[in-house]
Amino acid sequence: MAQILYITNILIEFGALAQLQAECKRVGIQRPLIVTDAGVKAAGLLAKVEAALPDLKPAVFADTPSNPTEAAVRGAVAVYKDQQCDGLIALGGGSAIDCAKGAAIACTHEGPLKTYATIEGGSPRITDGVPPLIAVPTTAGTGSEVARGAIVIVDDGRKLGFHSWHLVPKTAILDPELTLGLPPMLTAATGMDAIAHCMETFMAPPFNPPADGIALDGLTRGWAHIERATNDGSDREARLNMMSASMQGAMAFQKGLGCVHSLSHSLGGVNPRLHHGTLNAMFLPAVIRFNAEAESMKKERRLDRMAHAMGLNSGAEVPGAITAMNARLGLPTGLAAMGVTPDVFDKVIEGAMADHCHKTNPRIATPDEYRAMLQAAM
């Protein structure tokens, strides 16, 4: 059965951060824990958020790693309980938002975090007992601020997904002002993450016409503005449109993702130092070529419709256009340039086959087909 659900209160405009305190009060947060990372704090963005809460006294956990871990979740939960908090504010990119979602589970649910992972059958175990969460993204990439899922590396080393409508933030404060200082390479990598979400969810076969429309519009905005945002970080129009593309990709991917994310999740678990958005950019061309043979892609002209959104003449041009865009943005030329070697392929393939995104790809990949995609992305 197709389920279509959009429930986050989204505030998107320059200056939206000014509404943070009112939103805390609206959702019943009086003692928030801000979950963020050292980079966001050093950039002065934590101070801006604290200043937007003059009547509240937030606690802070600023030790989220670049890929959130179960250990970081435990650290956030310890502060939450010690400071007697009653809600969460996630400030940062997808890592901080996903860490906050993990903390929302762990502070109200017993047992190790993997108990609640999607591939462990844990989604139904996540209850409405989780505390309210407000998300304030500082990058335009993951869109986790409107998504029901989180990705966390659990104690056994696996990079697992956690999905529940109870994890969807009550409010997303999308203030492009917070992204103006984002460095060019991080702008490019997170921007390609947003584009990958729009493209991959549009290719996914489940029936969700609203998601398809949102994804195509997000792709149009992201593709038209990512170079401008990367080359001129002060371009306000580009920053606004990239933030919208990021949000739209995540609104749409309730429909499902596919092999790009199966591979990125798995390889990111094998080597947590690798940036998720950059990995998505590396895998997109090979996966799109693989997907082009799917019946749903041919019947519904999915590639041609994406090409139109990108200003291209035909679907056949899409993989090459992505490779060329990656080069213009200054991203790596492939996995080898990121330090990936073929000796990890077996472990990556094993993880990809078990990933929650594997079965929503338009073609169900075999281990050999995953291996070919990895080789093509090198």
Protein backbone atom coordinates (compact mmCIF):
# COMPACT_ATOMS: atom_id res chain seq x y z
CA MET A 1 0.00 0.00 0.00
CA ALA A 2 1.30 3.45 -0.91
CA GLN A 3 1.45 5.80 2.06
CA ILE A 4 1.91 9.53 1.49
CA LEU A 5 2.54 11.67 4.56
CA TYR A 6 3.93 15.21 4.93
CA ILE A 7 3.85 16.44 8.52
CA THR A 8 6.74 18.81 9.32
CA ASN A 9 6.08 22.51 9.84
CA ILE A 10 8.64 24.03 7.45
CA LEU A 11 9.77 27.64 7.79
CA ILE A 12 12.00 28.57 4.85
CA GLU A 13 13.29 32.11 4.35
CA PHE A 14 16.19 34.33 5.27
CA GLY A 15 15.75 35.20 8.93
CA ALA A 16 13.64 32.13 9.75
CA LEU A 17 15.86 31.42 12.78
CA ALA A 18 14.01 34.20 14.62
CA GLN A 19 11.04 31.84 14.88
CA LEU A 20 12.95 29.17 16.80
CA GLN A 21 11.84 30.12 20.31
CA ALA A 22 8.20 30.39 19.25
CA GLU A 23 8.43 26.94 17.65
CA CYS A 24 9.94 25.46 20.81
CA LYS A 25 7.00 26.78 22.79
CA ARG A 26 4.53 25.56 20.15
CA VAL A 27 5.76 21.97 20.37
CA GLY A 28 6.19 22.02 24.15
CA ILE A 29 9.96 22.32 24.54
CA GLN A 30 11.00 24.31 27.60
CA ARG A 31 14.45 22.85 28.24
CA PRO A 32 16.04 21.96 24.89
CA LEU A 33 19.23 20.04 24.21
CA ILE A 34 21.04 21.42 21.17
CA VAL A 35 22.82 18.61 19.33
CA THR A 36 25.55 19.97 17.05
CA ASP A 37 29.23 19.54 16.18
CA ALA A 38 32.52 21.31 16.77
CA GLY A 39 32.63 22.86 13.29
CA VAL A 40 29.21 24.45 13.62
CA LYS A 41 30.17 25.77 17.04
CA ALA A 42 33.47 27.18 15.76
CA ALA A 43 31.65 28.91 12.88
CA GLY A 44 29.58 30.87 15.40
CA LEU A 45 26.27 29.27 14.43
CA LEU A 46 25.68 27.74 17.86
CA ALA A 47 25.93 31.22 19.37
CA LYS A 48 23.32 32.47 16.88
CA VAL A 49 20.92 29.71 17.87
CA GLU A 50 21.46 30.33 21.57
CA ALA A 51 20.77 34.02 20.97
CA ALA A 52 17.49 33.07 19.28
CA LEU A 53 16.38 31.43 22.55
CA PRO A 54 16.49 34.36 25.01
CA ASP A 55 13.86 32.92 27.34
CA LEU A 56 15.16 29.35 27.32
CA LYS A 57 18.38 27.91 28.71
CA PRO A 58 19.47 25.20 26.30
CA ALA A 59 21.94 22.46 27.14
CA VAL A 60 24.49 21.64 24.45
CA PHE A 61 26.08 18.48 23.06
CA ALA A 62 28.67 19.55 20.46
CA ASP A 63 30.59 16.32 19.88
CA THR A 64 28.73 14.83 16.89
CA PRO A 65 31.30 13.18 14.58
CA SER A 66 31.21 13.52 10.78
CA ASN A 67 29.32 10.22 10.62
CA PRO A 68 27.15 9.86 13.75
CA THR A 69 27.90 6.87 15.94
CA GLU A 70 26.07 5.05 18.69
CA ALA A 71 28.75 6.29 21.09
CA ALA A 72 27.92 9.90 20.17
CA VAL A 73 24.22 9.14 20.65
CA ARG A 74 25.00 7.89 24.16
CA GLY A 75 26.94 11.08 24.86
CA ALA A 76 24.01 13.23 23.80
CA VAL A 77 21.59 11.15 25.89
CA ALA A 78 23.81 11.56 28.95
CA VAL A 79 23.63 15.36 28.65
CA TYR A 80 19.89 15.21 27.92
CA LYS A 81 19.19 13.27 31.10
CA ASP A 82 21.71 15.11 33.28
CA GLN A 83 20.24 18.50 32.30
CA GLN A 84 16.64 17.23 32.54
CA CYS A 85 15.82 18.25 29.00
CA ASP A 86 12.41 17.80 27.41
CA GLY A 87 13.18 18.21 23.72
CA LEU A 88 15.91 18.39 21.09
CA ILE A 89 17.18 21.01 18.67
CA ALA A 90 19.40 19.53 15.95
CA LEU A 91 21.80 22.14 14.56
CA GLY A 92 24.08 21.25 11.67
CA GLY A 93 24.16 18.97 8.67
CA GLY A 94 22.75 15.50 8.37
CA SER A 95 25.17 14.11 10.94
CA ALA A 96 23.93 16.34 13.76
CA ILE A 97 20.29 15.86 12.79
CA ASP A 98 20.67 12.08 12.60
CA CYS A 99 22.56 12.03 15.91
CA ALA A 100 19.66 13.93 17.49
CA LYS A 101 17.20 11.42 16.05
CA GLY A 102 19.28 8.59 17.48
CA ALA A 103 19.26 10.36 20.83
CA ALA A 104 15.49 10.76 20.61
CA ILE A 105 15.21 6.98 20.34
CA ALA A 106 17.84 6.11 22.94
CA CYS A 107 16.65 8.48 25.66
CA THR A 108 13.18 6.94 25.69
CA HIS A 109 13.72 3.33 24.52
CA GLU A 110 15.61 0.52 26.23
CA GLY A 111 18.35 -1.63 24.72
CA PRO A 112 21.09 -1.14 22.12
CA LEU A 113 20.32 1.15 19.22
CA LYS A 114 20.43 -1.65 16.64
CA THR A 115 17.23 -3.00 18.22
CA TYR A 116 15.39 -0.19 16.41
CA ALA A 117 17.16 -0.41 13.03
CA THR A 118 15.00 -0.89 9.96
CA ILE A 119 16.78 -4.00 8.69
CA GLU A 120 16.48 -5.54 12.17
CA GLY A 121 12.71 -5.10 12.03
CA GLY A 122 12.97 -2.33 14.59
CA SER A 123 10.88 0.43 13.01
CA PRO A 124 7.61 -0.63 14.72
CA ARG A 125 9.42 -0.61 18.07
CA ILE A 126 9.96 3.17 17.86
CA THR A 127 7.03 4.73 19.70
CA ASP A 128 5.52 8.17 20.08
CA GLY A 129 7.36 8.38 23.40
CA VAL A 130 10.28 10.08 21.63
CA PRO A 131 10.78 13.73 22.67
CA PRO A 132 9.90 16.55 20.25
CA LEU A 133 12.63 17.50 17.79
CA ILE A 134 13.26 20.74 15.89
CA ALA A 135 15.83 20.69 13.10
CA VAL A 136 17.93 23.67 12.02
CA PRO A 137 20.09 22.61 9.06
CA THR A 138 23.32 24.48 8.32
CA THR A 139 24.02 22.66 5.03
CA ALA A 140 21.88 22.06 1.95
CA GLY A 141 22.25 18.34 1.38
CA THR A 142 20.72 15.57 3.42
CA GLY A 143 17.27 17.02 4.03
CA SER A 144 17.10 15.07 7.26
CA GLU A 145 15.16 17.99 8.73
CA VAL A 146 11.97 16.73 7.03
CA ALA A 147 12.72 13.01 6.86
CA ARG A 148 11.56 10.08 8.95
CA GLY A 149 14.94 8.37 8.84
CA ALA A 150 18.39 8.59 10.40
CA ILE A 151 21.67 6.85 9.58
CA VAL A 152 23.92 5.91 12.51
CA ILE A 153 26.99 3.69 12.79
CA VAL A 154 26.10 1.28 15.60
CA ASP A 155 28.52 -0.35 17.99
CA ASP A 156 29.11 -3.42 15.78
CA GLY A 157 30.38 -1.16 12.97
CA ARG A 158 27.36 -1.33 10.67
CA LYS A 159 25.93 1.88 9.20
CA LEU A 160 22.21 1.33 9.75
CA GLY A 161 19.02 3.18 8.94
CA PHE A 162 16.33 3.99 11.50
CA HIS A 163 12.90 4.90 10.15
CA SER A 164 9.73 5.97 11.89
CA TRP A 165 7.18 8.72 11.39
CA HIS A 166 7.74 9.47 15.08
CA LEU A 167 11.28 10.65 14.20
CA VAL A 168 10.14 13.34 11.77
CA PRO A 169 11.05 16.75 13.23
CA LYS A 170 8.07 18.77 14.41
CA THR A 171 9.58 21.88 12.82
CA ALA A 172 12.30 22.53 10.25
CA ILE A 173 13.86 26.00 10.43
CA LEU A 174 15.39 26.50 6.97
CA ASP A 175 17.34 29.76 7.14
CA PRO A 176 19.73 30.06 4.17
CA GLU A 177 21.62 32.71 6.15
CA LEU A 178 23.18 29.83 8.10
CA THR A 179 24.71 28.37 4.90
CA LEU A 180 26.38 31.52 3.57
CA GLY A 181 29.71 30.63 5.18
CA LEU A 182 29.74 27.01 3.99
CA PRO A 183 33.09 26.25 2.24
CA PRO A 184 32.96 25.57 -1.53
CA MET A 185 33.79 21.85 -1.34
CA LEU A 186 31.26 21.20 1.38
CA THR A 187 28.69 23.20 -0.61
CA ALA A 188 29.42 21.03 -3.65
CA ALA A 189 29.39 17.71 -1.80
CA THR A 190 26.22 18.40 0.17
CA GLY A 191 24.59 19.88 -2.92
CA MET A 192 25.25 16.71 -4.90
CA ASP A 193 23.76 14.77 -1.99
CA ALA A 194 20.53 16.76 -2.45
CA ILE A 195 20.59 16.18 -6.21
CA ALA A 196 21.19 12.45 -5.68
CA HIS A 197 18.15 12.28 -3.41
CA CYS A 198 15.95 13.98 -6.00
CA MET A 199 17.18 11.75 -8.80
CA GLU A 200 17.23 8.44 -6.99
CA THR A 201 13.81 8.80 -5.40
CA PHE A 202 12.37 9.81 -8.79
CA MET A 203 13.77 6.59 -10.27
CA ALA A 204 12.40 4.42 -7.44
CA PRO A 205 9.38 2.37 -8.58
CA PRO A 206 6.89 2.79 -5.66
CA PHE A 207 3.73 4.75 -6.54
CA ASN A 208 3.90 8.27 -5.11
CA PRO A 209 3.07 10.98 -7.67
CA PRO A 210 3.46 13.89 -5.19
CA ALA A 211 6.98 12.67 -4.39
CA ASP A 212 7.80 12.46 -8.09
CA GLY A 213 6.70 16.05 -8.64
CA ILE A 214 8.58 17.33 -5.62
CA ALA A 215 11.72 15.44 -6.66
CA LEU A 216 11.70 16.78 -10.21
CA ASP A 217 11.25 20.37 -9.05
CA GLY A 218 14.02 19.87 -6.49
CA LEU A 219 16.29 18.49 -9.21
CA THR A 220 15.55 21.51 -11.40
CA ARG A 221 16.45 23.91 -8.60
CA GLY A 222 19.50 21.98 -7.43
CA TRP A 223 20.99 21.45 -10.89
CA ALA A 224 20.50 25.12 -11.84
CA HIS A 225 22.01 26.56 -8.67
CA ILE A 226 24.72 24.20 -7.33
CA GLU A 227 27.54 25.76 -9.34
CA ARG A 228 26.47 29.27 -8.39
CA ALA A 229 26.33 28.36 -4.71
CA THR A 230 29.72 26.64 -4.90
CA ASN A 231 31.47 29.41 -6.84
CA ASP A 232 29.93 32.28 -4.87
CA GLY A 233 28.89 31.32 -1.37
CA SER A 234 27.25 34.72 -0.85
CA ASP A 235 24.77 34.18 -3.72
CA ARG A 236 21.55 34.38 -1.69
CA GLU A 237 19.27 33.17 -4.46
CA ALA A 238 21.46 30.12 -5.04
CA ARG A 239 21.65 29.36 -1.32
CA LEU A 240 17.86 29.58 -0.97
CA ASN A 241 17.27 27.28 -3.92
CA MET A 242 19.86 24.74 -2.76
CA MET A 243 18.25 24.66 0.68
CA SER A 244 14.88 24.06 -0.99
CA ALA A 245 16.32 21.32 -3.22
CA SER A 246 17.74 19.61 -0.15
CA MET A 247 14.42 19.76 1.67
CA GLN A 248 12.50 18.60 -1.40
CA GLY A 249 14.78 15.60 -1.97
CA ALA A 250 14.08 14.40 1.56
CA MET A 251 10.36 15.11 1.35
CA ALA A 252 10.32 12.92 -1.75
CA PHE A 253 12.49 10.06 -0.54
CA GLN A 254 9.80 8.73 1.73
CA LYS A 255 9.08 6.94 -1.59
CA GLY A 256 12.40 5.11 -1.39
CA LEU A 257 15.97 5.37 -2.69
CA GLY A 258 18.17 2.76 -4.37
CA CYS A 259 21.62 1.44 -5.24
CA VAL A 260 23.39 4.79 -4.91
CA HIS A 261 22.50 4.88 -1.24
CA SER A 262 22.94 1.15 -0.67
CA LEU A 263 26.53 1.52 -1.82
CA SER A 264 27.16 4.84 -0.05
CA HIS A 265 25.76 3.60 3.26
CA SER A 266 27.84 0.44 3.08
CA LEU A 267 31.10 2.06 1.98
CA GLY A 268 30.60 4.83 4.53
CA GLY A 269 30.33 2.17 7.21
CA VAL A 270 33.54 0.51 6.03
CA ASN A 271 35.35 3.86 6.03
CA PRO A 272 33.51 6.50 8.10
CA ARG A 273 35.91 9.23 6.97
CA LEU A 274 34.34 9.25 3.50
CA HIS A 275 31.76 11.98 2.93
CA HIS A 276 28.31 10.61 2.15
CA GLY A 277 27.34 13.27 -0.39
CA THR A 278 30.61 12.86 -2.28
CA LEU A 279 30.09 9.11 -2.42
CA ASN A 280 26.60 9.64 -3.85
CA ALA A 281 28.07 11.88 -6.54
CA MET A 282 30.61 9.18 -7.45
CA PHE A 283 28.00 6.41 -7.68
CA LEU A 284 25.24 8.26 -9.54
CA PRO A 285 26.51 7.83 -13.14
CA ALA A 286 27.09 4.07 -12.83
CA VAL A 287 23.79 3.45 -11.05
CA ILE A 288 21.81 5.51 -13.58
CA ARG A 289 23.34 3.50 -16.42
CA PHE A 290 22.35 0.31 -14.60
CA ASN A 291 18.83 1.59 -13.94
CA ALA A 292 18.30 2.63 -17.56
CA GLU A 293 17.43 -0.97 -18.43
CA ALA A 294 14.61 -1.20 -15.87
CA GLU A 295 11.13 -1.56 -17.34
CA SER A 296 9.70 1.16 -15.11
CA MET A 297 12.40 3.58 -16.29
CA LYS A 298 11.61 2.88 -19.96
CA LYS A 299 7.82 2.79 -19.65
CA GLU A 300 7.58 6.06 -17.72
CA ARG A 301 10.45 7.81 -19.54
CA ARG A 302 12.11 8.51 -16.21
CA LEU A 303 15.54 9.30 -17.67
CA ASP A 304 14.16 11.70 -20.27
CA ARG A 305 12.08 13.49 -17.64
CA MET A 306 15.16 13.96 -15.45
CA ALA A 307 17.09 15.19 -18.49
CA HIS A 308 14.40 17.81 -19.13
CA ALA A 309 14.70 19.04 -15.53
CA MET A 310 18.46 19.33 -16.04
CA GLY A 311 18.19 21.21 -19.35
CA LEU A 312 19.54 18.27 -21.36
CA ASN A 313 18.28 16.88 -24.67
CA SER A 314 17.84 13.23 -23.73
CA GLY A 315 18.15 10.74 -20.90
CA ALA A 316 21.25 9.26 -22.49
CA GLU A 317 23.11 12.47 -21.60
CA VAL A 318 22.36 12.30 -17.85
CA PRO A 319 25.24 10.10 -16.57
CA GLY A 320 27.87 12.05 -18.51
CA ALA A 321 26.38 15.37 -17.38
CA ILE A 322 26.75 14.29 -13.74
CA THR A 323 30.37 13.27 -14.28
CA ALA A 324 31.06 16.64 -15.92
CA MET A 325 29.29 18.51 -13.11
CA ASN A 326 31.38 16.67 -10.50
CA ALA A 327 34.51 17.79 -12.33
CA ARG A 328 33.38 21.42 -12.59
CA LEU A 329 32.59 21.44 -8.87
CA GLY A 330 36.08 20.16 -8.05
CA LEU A 331 34.88 16.88 -6.57
CA PRO A 332 37.06 13.74 -6.80
CA THR A 333 37.36 12.00 -10.14
CA GLY A 334 36.24 8.70 -8.62
CA LEU A 335 36.47 6.39 -5.65
CA ALA A 336 40.18 5.74 -6.22
CA ALA A 337 40.87 9.46 -5.75
CA MET A 338 39.09 9.16 -2.39
CA GLY A 339 41.45 6.38 -1.31
CA VAL A 340 39.08 3.47 -1.94
CA THR A 341 40.72 0.22 -3.04
CA PRO A 342 39.15 -2.94 -4.54
CA ASP A 343 40.02 -5.04 -1.49
CA VAL A 344 36.97 -3.57 0.32
CA PHE A 345 34.52 -4.49 -2.45
CA ASP A 346 33.35 -7.76 -0.90
CA LYS A 347 32.47 -6.11 2.39
CA VAL A 348 30.79 -3.17 0.64
CA ILE A 349 28.70 -5.49 -1.53
CA GLU A 350 27.62 -7.51 1.52
CA GLY A 351 26.45 -4.33 3.22
CA ALA A 352 24.73 -3.00 0.11
CA MET A 353 22.74 -6.21 -0.32
CA ALA A 354 21.45 -5.87 3.26
CA ASP A 355 20.79 -2.11 3.10
CA HIS A 356 17.23 -0.81 3.43
CA CYS A 357 17.55 1.03 0.08
CA HIS A 358 18.48 -2.10 -1.89
CA LYS A 359 14.93 -3.27 -2.61
CA THR A 360 13.52 0.08 -3.76
CA ASN A 361 15.90 0.40 -6.71
CA PRO A 362 14.16 0.03 -10.11
CA ARG A 363 16.35 -3.03 -10.76
CA ILE A 364 17.32 -5.37 -7.92
CA ALA A 365 21.07 -5.65 -8.19
CA THR A 366 23.02 -8.89 -7.79
CA PRO A 367 26.40 -9.00 -6.05
CA ASP A 368 28.12 -9.11 -9.45
CA GLU A 369 26.16 -6.07 -10.62
CA TYR A 370 27.12 -4.16 -7.47
CA ARG A 371 30.73 -5.10 -8.15
CA ALA A 372 30.47 -3.72 -11.68
CA MET A 373 29.02 -0.45 -10.32
CA LEU A 374 31.86 -0.16 -7.83
CA GLN A 375 34.43 -0.74 -10.58
CA ALA A 376 32.74 1.82 -12.83
CA ALA A 377 32.83 4.39 -10.00
CA MET A 378 36.56 3.94 -9.36
